[in-house]
């Protein structure tokens, strides 16, 4: 399936049933959100729906910004449904993700941060990898392209491919050797790793991860069956690591992987999660 091209934008024919629900938790950063939506508008070959939940307080909201409105119109003209939600009060990212997951109905769900641009073809590549590997999630770790000239081979020593792209369950905790994979996702390490591997256009390699931030495609049933983000009410509103906690629960039962190359680009905007004193993975999974 391809999106409707500009010669068909005025047609009212329904699009295909979504294979993916793209779930975007948003707070502030309307310019970055517009860029994120533009990346989605450039995706092809896989039907998807977009759900954006904005927690910007007061007016104007991110949805009132011209660039955001324009990209919503583009997606809808292409035949990609867009659902815009306001979800207040703010009770932390885990609760926000839990709310978004409750709105999902497609077989696959992509949790996408509102400051990530996706290379064309990324969504289809991740979806094919998830279906083929029969695992719980496939993540495209975000890259900072301002670091393309910063080579860090010492941070890529833990790169280990899944043989034949077949993913198995793993148990990850801070005290396990597998946790030492986390530097793989620093700076532009994945861009350098992909270049060294020589992955052909359209191809991919799955690799072992500690966790993936910013852009993770889940098998929805696997995420729901392992609890999703149902632990949100055990956390204070200011926390971090909720994505790690959910991924570790999925990995233990179904397995999870990163994908090379990663087409996810971090826009390198300042974080909106400034208080990270509470680590959700430590609270929920313990030691």
C-alpha atoms as a PDB file:
ATOM      1  CA  UNK A   1       0.000   0.000   0.000  1.00  0.00           C
ATOM      2  CA  UNK A   2       1.253   3.453  -0.848  1.00  0.00           C
ATOM      3  CA  UNK A   3      -0.211   6.729   0.298  1.00  0.00           C
ATOM      4  CA  UNK A   4      -2.467   8.725  -2.004  1.00  0.00           C
ATOM      5  CA  UNK A   5      -0.359  10.970  -4.188  1.00  0.00           C
ATOM      6  CA  UNK A   6      -1.198  14.646  -4.725  1.00  0.00           C
ATOM      7  CA  UNK A   7      -3.390  13.844  -7.723  1.00  0.00           C
ATOM      8  CA  UNK A   8      -5.713  11.918  -5.394  1.00  0.00           C
ATOM      9  CA  UNK A   9      -5.721  14.170  -2.333  1.00  0.00           C
ATOM     10  CA  UNK A  10      -9.228  15.468  -3.041  1.00  0.00           C
ATOM     11  CA  UNK A  11     -10.691  11.953  -3.208  1.00  0.00           C
ATOM     12  CA  UNK A  12     -12.686  10.660  -0.262  1.00  0.00           C
ATOM     13  CA  UNK A  13     -11.958   6.958  -0.681  1.00  0.00           C
ATOM     14  CA  UNK A  14     -11.053   5.265   2.598  1.00  0.00           C
ATOM     15  CA  UNK A  15      -7.508   4.120   3.193  1.00  0.00           C
ATOM     16  CA  UNK A  16      -6.448   0.601   4.097  1.00  0.00           C
ATOM     17  CA  UNK A  17      -7.030  -0.714   7.612  1.00  0.00           C
ATOM     18  CA  UNK A  18      -3.994   0.410   9.647  1.00  0.00           C
ATOM     19  CA  UNK A  19      -1.332  -2.155  10.418  1.00  0.00           C
ATOM     20  CA  UNK A  20       0.368   0.329  12.767  1.00  0.00           C
ATOM     21  CA  UNK A  21      -0.900   2.880  15.240  1.00  0.00           C
ATOM     22  CA  UNK A  22       1.758   5.572  15.668  1.00  0.00           C
ATOM     23  CA  UNK A  23       1.443   6.905  19.222  1.00  0.00           C
ATOM     24  CA  UNK A  24       3.064  10.281  19.951  1.00  0.00           C
ATOM     25  CA  UNK A  25       3.088  11.669  23.506  1.00  0.00           C
ATOM     26  CA  UNK A  26       3.649  15.413  23.189  1.00  0.00           C
ATOM     27  CA  UNK A  27       4.375  18.313  25.500  1.00  0.00           C
ATOM     28  CA  UNK A  28       5.480  21.673  24.088  1.00  0.00           C
ATOM     29  CA  UNK A  29       7.888  21.652  21.143  1.00  0.00           C
ATOM     30  CA  UNK A  30       5.351  22.384  18.351  1.00  0.00           C
ATOM     31  CA  UNK A  31       8.090  22.977  15.770  1.00  0.00           C
ATOM     32  CA  UNK A  32       9.651  19.608  16.535  1.00  0.00           C
ATOM     33  CA  UNK A  33       6.231  17.921  16.425  1.00  0.00           C
ATOM     34  CA  UNK A  34       5.683  19.322  12.922  1.00  0.00           C
ATOM     35  CA  UNK A  35       9.000  17.833  11.791  1.00  0.00           C
ATOM     36  CA  UNK A  36       8.071  14.491  13.353  1.00  0.00           C
ATOM     37  CA  UNK A  37       4.755  14.485  11.465  1.00  0.00           C
ATOM     38  CA  UNK A  38       6.536  15.403   8.232  1.00  0.00           C
ATOM     39  CA  UNK A  39       8.723  12.328   8.618  1.00  0.00           C
ATOM     40  CA  UNK A  40       5.619  10.187   8.949  1.00  0.00           C
ATOM     41  CA  UNK A  41       4.098  11.780   5.846  1.00  0.00           C
ATOM     42  CA  UNK A  42       7.129  10.528   3.877  1.00  0.00           C
ATOM     43  CA  UNK A  43       6.581   6.869   4.827  1.00  0.00           C
ATOM     44  CA  UNK A  44       5.347   4.375   2.237  1.00  0.00           C
ATOM     45  CA  UNK A  45       4.252   0.748   1.804  1.00  0.00           C
ATOM     46  CA  UNK A  46       2.586   0.273   5.187  1.00  0.00           C
ATOM     47  CA  UNK A  47      -0.850   1.558   6.294  1.00  0.00           C
ATOM     48  CA  UNK A  48      -0.841   3.452   9.563  1.00  0.00           C
ATOM     49  CA  UNK A  49      -2.856   5.765  11.781  1.00  0.00           C
ATOM     50  CA  UNK A  50      -1.398   8.588  13.888  1.00  0.00           C
ATOM     51  CA  UNK A  51      -2.541   9.393  17.414  1.00  0.00           C
ATOM     52  CA  UNK A  52      -1.022  12.487  19.030  1.00  0.00           C
ATOM     53  CA  UNK A  53      -1.780  13.273  22.667  1.00  0.00           C
ATOM     54  CA  UNK A  54      -0.774  16.786  23.707  1.00  0.00           C
ATOM     55  CA  UNK A  55      -0.197  17.766  27.329  1.00  0.00           C
ATOM     56  CA  UNK A  56       0.762  21.361  26.636  1.00  0.00           C
ATOM     57  CA  UNK A  57      -0.974  23.381  29.335  1.00  0.00           C
ATOM     58  CA  UNK A  58      -2.993  26.489  28.507  1.00  0.00           C
ATOM     59  CA  UNK A  59      -3.323  28.073  25.111  1.00  0.00           C
ATOM     60  CA  UNK A  60      -2.136  27.961  22.408  1.00  0.00           C
ATOM     61  CA  UNK A  61      -1.651  24.199  22.172  1.00  0.00           C
ATOM     62  CA  UNK A  62       0.712  22.481  19.790  1.00  0.00           C
ATOM     63  CA  UNK A  63      -2.287  21.611  17.608  1.00  0.00           C
ATOM     64  CA  UNK A  64      -2.977  25.289  16.931  1.00  0.00           C
ATOM     65  CA  UNK A  65       0.424  25.888  15.337  1.00  0.00           C
ATOM     66  CA  UNK A  66       0.240  26.352  11.527  1.00  0.00           C
ATOM     67  CA  UNK A  67       3.031  23.879  10.720  1.00  0.00           C
ATOM     68  CA  UNK A  68       1.438  21.158  12.842  1.00  0.00           C
ATOM     69  CA  UNK A  69      -2.006  21.784  11.333  1.00  0.00           C
ATOM     70  CA  UNK A  70      -0.537  21.666   7.823  1.00  0.00           C
ATOM     71  CA  UNK A  71       1.164  18.299   8.380  1.00  0.00           C
ATOM     72  CA  UNK A  72      -2.012  16.852   9.894  1.00  0.00           C
ATOM     73  CA  UNK A  73      -3.857  17.898   6.731  1.00  0.00           C
ATOM     74  CA  UNK A  74      -1.178  16.302   4.548  1.00  0.00           C
ATOM     75  CA  UNK A  75      -1.405  12.983   6.404  1.00  0.00           C
ATOM     76  CA  UNK A  76      -5.181  12.959   6.174  1.00  0.00           C
ATOM     77  CA  UNK A  77      -5.091  13.817   2.452  1.00  0.00           C
ATOM     78  CA  UNK A  78      -2.730  10.871   1.971  1.00  0.00           C
ATOM     79  CA  UNK A  79      -5.308   8.555   3.546  1.00  0.00           C
ATOM     80  CA  UNK A  80      -3.583   8.297   6.955  1.00  0.00           C
ATOM     81  CA  UNK A  81      -6.105   8.951   9.763  1.00  0.00           C
ATOM     82  CA  UNK A  82      -4.944  11.362  12.464  1.00  0.00           C
ATOM     83  CA  UNK A  83      -6.455  11.493  15.955  1.00  0.00           C
ATOM     84  CA  UNK A  84      -5.604  14.525  18.120  1.00  0.00           C
ATOM     85  CA  UNK A  85      -6.119  14.289  21.869  1.00  0.00           C
ATOM     86  CA  UNK A  86      -5.666  16.614  24.836  1.00  0.00           C
ATOM     87  CA  UNK A  87      -4.779  14.655  27.971  1.00  0.00           C
ATOM     88  CA  UNK A  88      -4.523  16.619  31.198  1.00  0.00           C
ATOM     89  CA  UNK A  89      -3.522  16.874  33.981  1.00  0.00           C
ATOM     90  CA  UNK A  90       0.047  15.707  33.510  1.00  0.00           C
ATOM     91  CA  UNK A  91       0.738  12.656  35.640  1.00  0.00           C
ATOM     92  CA  UNK A  92       4.012  11.519  34.126  1.00  0.00           C
ATOM     93  CA  UNK A  93       5.157   9.828  30.934  1.00  0.00           C
ATOM     94  CA  UNK A  94       4.162   6.336  32.059  1.00  0.00           C
ATOM     95  CA  UNK A  95       0.551   7.448  32.538  1.00  0.00           C
ATOM     96  CA  UNK A  96       0.633   9.319  29.235  1.00  0.00           C
ATOM     97  CA  UNK A  97       1.926   6.255  27.384  1.00  0.00           C
ATOM     98  CA  UNK A  98      -0.640   4.080  29.147  1.00  0.00           C
ATOM     99  CA  UNK A  99      -3.389   6.411  27.923  1.00  0.00           C
ATOM    100  CA  UNK A 100      -2.117   6.304  24.346  1.00  0.00           C
ATOM    101  CA  UNK A 101      -1.887   2.519  24.414  1.00  0.00           C
ATOM    102  CA  UNK A 102      -5.531   2.380  25.529  1.00  0.00           C
ATOM    103  CA  UNK A 103      -6.467   4.168  22.289  1.00  0.00           C
ATOM    104  CA  UNK A 104      -4.568   1.750  20.035  1.00  0.00           C
ATOM    105  CA  UNK A 105      -6.268  -0.999  18.073  1.00  0.00           C
ATOM    106  CA  UNK A 106      -3.798  -1.899  15.288  1.00  0.00           C
ATOM    107  CA  UNK A 107      -1.673  -5.086  15.524  1.00  0.00           C
ATOM    108  CA  UNK A 108       1.507  -3.011  15.860  1.00  0.00           C
ATOM    109  CA  UNK A 109       2.080   0.190  17.828  1.00  0.00           C
ATOM    110  CA  UNK A 110       4.951   2.615  17.359  1.00  0.00           C
ATOM    111  CA  UNK A 111       5.796   4.804  20.334  1.00  0.00           C
ATOM    112  CA  UNK A 112       7.453   7.797  18.692  1.00  0.00           C
ATOM    113  CA  UNK A 113       8.800  10.800  20.586  1.00  0.00           C
ATOM    114  CA  UNK A 114       7.755  14.235  19.330  1.00  0.00           C
ATOM    115  CA  UNK A 115      11.337  15.216  18.439  1.00  0.00           C
ATOM    116  CA  UNK A 116      12.267  12.383  16.066  1.00  0.00           C
ATOM    117  CA  UNK A 117      12.383  12.472  12.258  1.00  0.00           C
ATOM    118  CA  UNK A 118      12.058   9.161  10.406  1.00  0.00           C
ATOM    119  CA  UNK A 119      13.865   8.458   7.156  1.00  0.00           C
ATOM    120  CA  UNK A 120      11.496   7.357   4.364  1.00  0.00           C
ATOM    121  CA  UNK A 121      11.161   3.574   4.419  1.00  0.00           C
ATOM    122  CA  UNK A 122      11.888   3.258   8.140  1.00  0.00           C
ATOM    123  CA  UNK A 123       8.357   2.350   9.196  1.00  0.00           C
ATOM    124  CA  UNK A 124       8.030  -0.370   6.564  1.00  0.00           C
ATOM    125  CA  UNK A 125      11.477  -1.761   7.424  1.00  0.00           C
ATOM    126  CA  UNK A 126      10.691  -1.930  11.148  1.00  0.00           C
ATOM    127  CA  UNK A 127       7.286  -3.507  10.499  1.00  0.00           C
ATOM    128  CA  UNK A 128       8.742  -6.188   8.223  1.00  0.00           C
ATOM    129  CA  UNK A 129      11.447  -6.948  10.779  1.00  0.00           C
ATOM    130  CA  UNK A 130       8.923  -7.287  13.612  1.00  0.00           C
ATOM    131  CA  UNK A 131       6.699  -9.629  11.613  1.00  0.00           C
ATOM    132  CA  UNK A 132       9.623 -11.766  10.444  1.00  0.00           C
ATOM    133  CA  UNK A 133      11.361 -12.040  13.819  1.00  0.00           C
ATOM    134  CA  UNK A 134       8.123 -12.796  15.728  1.00  0.00           C
ATOM    135  CA  UNK A 135       9.442 -10.877  18.729  1.00  0.00           C
ATOM    136  CA  UNK A 136       7.954  -8.305  21.090  1.00  0.00           C
ATOM    137  CA  UNK A 137       9.500  -5.143  19.688  1.00  0.00           C
ATOM    138  CA  UNK A 138      11.941  -3.690  17.173  1.00  0.00           C
ATOM    139  CA  UNK A 139      13.418  -0.279  17.935  1.00  0.00           C
ATOM    140  CA  UNK A 140      15.164   2.337  15.809  1.00  0.00           C
ATOM    141  CA  UNK A 141      17.405   4.065  18.310  1.00  0.00           C
ATOM    142  CA  UNK A 142      17.604   7.798  17.684  1.00  0.00           C
ATOM    143  CA  UNK A 143      20.841   9.285  16.349  1.00  0.00           C
ATOM    144  CA  UNK A 144      22.301  12.745  16.736  1.00  0.00           C
ATOM    145  CA  UNK A 145      23.687  13.606  13.327  1.00  0.00           C
ATOM    146  CA  UNK A 146      25.699  16.491  14.751  1.00  0.00           C
ATOM    147  CA  UNK A 147      28.003  13.664  15.921  1.00  0.00           C
ATOM    148  CA  UNK A 148      28.652  12.138  12.491  1.00  0.00           C
ATOM    149  CA  UNK A 149      32.250  13.273  12.717  1.00  0.00           C
ATOM    150  CA  UNK A 150      32.617  11.844  16.235  1.00  0.00           C
ATOM    151  CA  UNK A 151      33.755   8.220  15.810  1.00  0.00           C
ATOM    152  CA  UNK A 152      33.528   6.118  18.973  1.00  0.00           C
ATOM    153  CA  UNK A 153      34.599   2.552  18.168  1.00  0.00           C
ATOM    154  CA  UNK A 154      35.156   1.883  21.885  1.00  0.00           C
ATOM    155  CA  UNK A 155      31.401   2.339  22.440  1.00  0.00           C
ATOM    156  CA  UNK A 156      30.493  -0.200  19.749  1.00  0.00           C
ATOM    157  CA  UNK A 157      32.415  -3.153  21.173  1.00  0.00           C
ATOM    158  CA  UNK A 158      29.183  -4.640  22.551  1.00  0.00           C
ATOM    159  CA  UNK A 159      27.437  -4.683  19.153  1.00  0.00           C
ATOM    160  CA  UNK A 160      26.146  -8.215  18.633  1.00  0.00           C
ATOM    161  CA  UNK A 161      23.848  -9.156  15.768  1.00  0.00           C
ATOM    162  CA  UNK A 162      20.989 -11.604  16.164  1.00  0.00           C
ATOM    163  CA  UNK A 163      21.998 -14.562  13.936  1.00  0.00           C
ATOM    164  CA  UNK A 164      19.613 -14.830  11.022  1.00  0.00           C
ATOM    165  CA  UNK A 165      17.592 -11.953  12.553  1.00  0.00           C
ATOM    166  CA  UNK A 166      16.001 -14.489  14.901  1.00  0.00           C
ATOM    167  CA  UNK A 167      15.332 -12.822  18.262  1.00  0.00           C
ATOM    168  CA  UNK A 168      15.114 -14.688  21.583  1.00  0.00           C
ATOM    169  CA  UNK A 169      13.894 -13.602  25.035  1.00  0.00           C
ATOM    170  CA  UNK A 170      16.448 -11.997  27.343  1.00  0.00           C
ATOM    171  CA  UNK A 171      16.482 -10.727  30.899  1.00  0.00           C
ATOM    172  CA  UNK A 172      18.116  -7.298  31.262  1.00  0.00           C
ATOM    173  CA  UNK A 173      18.941  -5.592  34.545  1.00  0.00           C
ATOM    174  CA  UNK A 174      21.619  -3.038  35.515  1.00  0.00           C
ATOM    175  CA  UNK A 175      23.672  -5.814  37.142  1.00  0.00           C
ATOM    176  CA  UNK A 176      23.729  -8.037  34.028  1.00  0.00           C
ATOM    177  CA  UNK A 177      26.409  -8.044  31.349  1.00  0.00           C
ATOM    178  CA  UNK A 178      23.760  -7.293  28.730  1.00  0.00           C
ATOM    179  CA  UNK A 179      23.137  -3.898  30.301  1.00  0.00           C
ATOM    180  CA  UNK A 180      26.599  -2.833  29.072  1.00  0.00           C
ATOM    181  CA  UNK A 181      25.164  -2.510  25.556  1.00  0.00           C
ATOM    182  CA  UNK A 182      23.672   0.905  26.377  1.00  0.00           C
ATOM    183  CA  UNK A 183      26.560   3.008  24.884  1.00  0.00           C
ATOM    184  CA  UNK A 184      25.684   1.636  21.431  1.00  0.00           C
ATOM    185  CA  UNK A 185      23.010   4.312  21.179  1.00  0.00           C
ATOM    186  CA  UNK A 186      25.191   7.290  22.034  1.00  0.00           C
ATOM    187  CA  UNK A 187      25.919  10.073  19.533  1.00  0.00           C
ATOM    188  CA  UNK A 188      25.925   8.671  15.942  1.00  0.00           C
ATOM    189  CA  UNK A 189      27.261   5.204  16.792  1.00  0.00           C
ATOM    190  CA  UNK A 190      24.535   3.447  14.822  1.00  0.00           C
ATOM    191  CA  UNK A 191      25.290   5.408  11.646  1.00  0.00           C
ATOM    192  CA  UNK A 192      28.935   4.358  11.912  1.00  0.00           C
ATOM    193  CA  UNK A 193      27.977   0.735  12.671  1.00  0.00           C
ATOM    194  CA  UNK A 194      25.640   0.585   9.664  1.00  0.00           C
ATOM    195  CA  UNK A 195      28.349   1.946   7.379  1.00  0.00           C
ATOM    196  CA  UNK A 196      30.810  -0.651   8.637  1.00  0.00           C
ATOM    197  CA  UNK A 197      28.325  -3.498   8.116  1.00  0.00           C
ATOM    198  CA  UNK A 198      27.467  -2.369   4.583  1.00  0.00           C
ATOM    199  CA  UNK A 199      23.752  -3.133   4.847  1.00  0.00           C
ATOM    200  CA  UNK A 200      22.219  -2.930   1.321  1.00  0.00           C
ATOM    201  CA  UNK A 201      19.446  -0.385   0.650  1.00  0.00           C
ATOM    202  CA  UNK A 202      16.146  -1.640   2.030  1.00  0.00           C
ATOM    203  CA  UNK A 203      17.847  -4.347   4.057  1.00  0.00           C
ATOM    204  CA  UNK A 204      18.371  -4.545   7.782  1.00  0.00           C
ATOM    205  CA  UNK A 205      20.177  -6.328  10.581  1.00  0.00           C
ATOM    206  CA  UNK A 206      18.717  -6.892  14.032  1.00  0.00           C
ATOM    207  CA  UNK A 207      21.019  -6.582  17.022  1.00  0.00           C
ATOM    208  CA  UNK A 208      20.898  -7.140  20.778  1.00  0.00           C
ATOM    209  CA  UNK A 209      20.005  -4.134  22.912  1.00  0.00           C
ATOM    210  CA  UNK A 210      19.858  -3.058  26.531  1.00  0.00           C
ATOM    211  CA  UNK A 211      16.817  -0.959  25.624  1.00  0.00           C
ATOM    212  CA  UNK A 212      15.801   1.520  22.906  1.00  0.00           C
ATOM    213  CA  UNK A 213      14.597   5.081  23.381  1.00  0.00           C
ATOM    214  CA  UNK A 214      12.507   7.383  21.215  1.00  0.00           C
ATOM    215  CA  UNK A 215      11.225   5.101  18.444  1.00  0.00           C
ATOM    216  CA  UNK A 216      10.040   1.585  19.302  1.00  0.00           C
ATOM    217  CA  UNK A 217       7.607  -0.593  17.344  1.00  0.00           C
ATOM    218  CA  UNK A 218       5.801  -3.150  19.525  1.00  0.00           C
ATOM    219  CA  UNK A 219       3.618  -6.101  18.813  1.00  0.00           C
ATOM    220  CA  UNK A 220       0.602  -4.597  20.563  1.00  0.00           C
ATOM    221  CA  UNK A 221      -0.617  -7.845  22.128  1.00  0.00           C
ATOM    222  CA  UNK A 222       2.869  -8.606  23.482  1.00  0.00           C
ATOM    223  CA  UNK A 223       3.010  -5.179  25.104  1.00  0.00           C
ATOM    224  CA  UNK A 224      -0.495  -5.457  26.537  1.00  0.00           C
ATOM    225  CA  UNK A 225      -0.004  -9.028  27.798  1.00  0.00           C
ATOM    226  CA  UNK A 226       3.110  -7.995  29.733  1.00  0.00           C
ATOM    227  CA  UNK A 227       1.279  -5.089  31.367  1.00  0.00           C
ATOM    228  CA  UNK A 228       2.169  -2.191  29.090  1.00  0.00           C
ATOM    229  CA  UNK A 229       2.526   0.888  31.278  1.00  0.00           C
ATOM    230  CA  UNK A 230       0.034  -0.231  33.909  1.00  0.00           C
ATOM    231  CA  UNK A 231       2.550   0.624  36.629  1.00  0.00           C
ATOM    232  CA  UNK A 232       2.100   4.364  36.132  1.00  0.00           C
ATOM    233  CA  UNK A 233       0.213   4.844  39.412  1.00  0.00           C
ATOM    234  CA  UNK A 234       3.177   3.456  41.358  1.00  0.00           C
ATOM    235  CA  UNK A 235       5.368   6.338  40.202  1.00  0.00           C
ATOM    236  CA  UNK A 236       5.514  10.035  41.039  1.00  0.00           C
ATOM    237  CA  UNK A 237       4.685  12.344  38.112  1.00  0.00           C
ATOM    238  CA  UNK A 238       8.375  13.235  37.706  1.00  0.00           C
ATOM    239  CA  UNK A 239      10.166  10.093  36.563  1.00  0.00           C
ATOM    240  CA  UNK A 240      12.197   8.616  33.713  1.00  0.00           C
ATOM    241  CA  UNK A 241      12.877   5.098  32.476  1.00  0.00           C
ATOM    242  CA  UNK A 242       9.255   4.074  32.008  1.00  0.00           C
ATOM    243  CA  UNK A 243      10.019   2.918  28.456  1.00  0.00           C
ATOM    244  CA  UNK A 244      12.892   0.803  29.762  1.00  0.00           C
ATOM    245  CA  UNK A 245      10.650  -0.892  32.325  1.00  0.00           C
ATOM    246  CA  UNK A 246       8.022  -1.783  29.726  1.00  0.00           C
ATOM    247  CA  UNK A 247      10.624  -3.027  27.247  1.00  0.00           C
ATOM    248  CA  UNK A 248      12.355  -5.229  29.804  1.00  0.00           C
ATOM    249  CA  UNK A 249       9.070  -6.935  30.653  1.00  0.00           C
ATOM    250  CA  UNK A 250       8.411  -7.566  26.956  1.00  0.00           C
ATOM    251  CA  UNK A 251      11.977  -8.784  26.357  1.00  0.00           C
ATOM    252  CA  UNK A 252      11.750 -11.407  29.097  1.00  0.00           C
ATOM    253  CA  UNK A 253       8.761 -13.090  27.455  1.00  0.00           C
ATOM    254  CA  UNK A 254       9.006 -12.271  23.748  1.00  0.00           C
ATOM    255  CA  UNK A 255      12.429 -10.767  23.057  1.00  0.00           C
ATOM    256  CA  UNK A 256      13.303  -7.398  21.582  1.00  0.00           C
ATOM    257  CA  UNK A 257      15.865  -5.985  19.157  1.00  0.00           C
ATOM    258  CA  UNK A 258      17.341  -2.882  17.627  1.00  0.00           C
ATOM    259  CA  UNK A 259      17.472  -2.428  13.870  1.00  0.00           C
ATOM    260  CA  UNK A 260      20.385  -1.364  11.675  1.00  0.00           C
ATOM    261  CA  UNK A 261      20.425   0.955   9.938  1.00  0.00           C
ATOM    262  CA  UNK A 262      18.351   3.196  12.136  1.00  0.00           C
ATOM    263  CA  UNK A 263      16.474   5.829  10.188  1.00  0.00           C
ATOM    264  CA  UNK A 264      15.485   7.695  13.352  1.00  0.00           C
ATOM    265  CA  UNK A 265      17.092  11.111  13.775  1.00  0.00           C
ATOM    266  CA  UNK A 266      16.966  12.948  17.067  1.00  0.00           C
ATOM    267  CA  UNK A 267      16.262  16.643  16.526  1.00  0.00           C
ATOM    268  CA  UNK A 268      18.555  17.396  19.478  1.00  0.00           C
ATOM    269  CA  UNK A 269      16.057  19.727  21.126  1.00  0.00           C
ATOM    270  CA  UNK A 270      16.293  20.246  24.900  1.00  0.00           C
ATOM    271  CA  UNK A 271      14.560  17.540  26.921  1.00  0.00           C
ATOM    272  CA  UNK A 272      11.191  18.213  28.509  1.00  0.00           C
ATOM    273  CA  UNK A 273      11.903  15.587  31.215  1.00  0.00           C
ATOM    274  CA  UNK A 274      14.134  17.636  33.484  1.00  0.00           C
ATOM    275  CA  UNK A 275      13.624  15.715  36.746  1.00  0.00           C
ATOM    276  CA  UNK A 276      15.036  12.182  36.475  1.00  0.00           C
ATOM    277  CA  UNK A 277      15.465  11.421  40.167  1.00  0.00           C
ATOM    278  CA  UNK A 278      12.993   8.503  39.993  1.00  0.00           C
ATOM    279  CA  UNK A 279      14.032   5.641  37.719  1.00  0.00           C
ATOM    280  CA  UNK A 280      10.881   3.744  36.779  1.00  0.00           C
ATOM    281  CA  UNK A 281      12.684   0.532  35.882  1.00  0.00           C
ATOM    282  CA  UNK A 282      14.307   0.399  39.328  1.00  0.00           C
ATOM    283  CA  UNK A 283      11.006   1.078  41.094  1.00  0.00           C
ATOM    284  CA  UNK A 284       8.917  -1.352  39.063  1.00  0.00           C
ATOM    285  CA  UNK A 285      11.334  -4.236  38.504  1.00  0.00           C
ATOM    286  CA  UNK A 286      13.610  -3.760  41.531  1.00  0.00           C
ATOM    287  CA  UNK A 287      16.949  -5.386  42.045  1.00  0.00           C
END
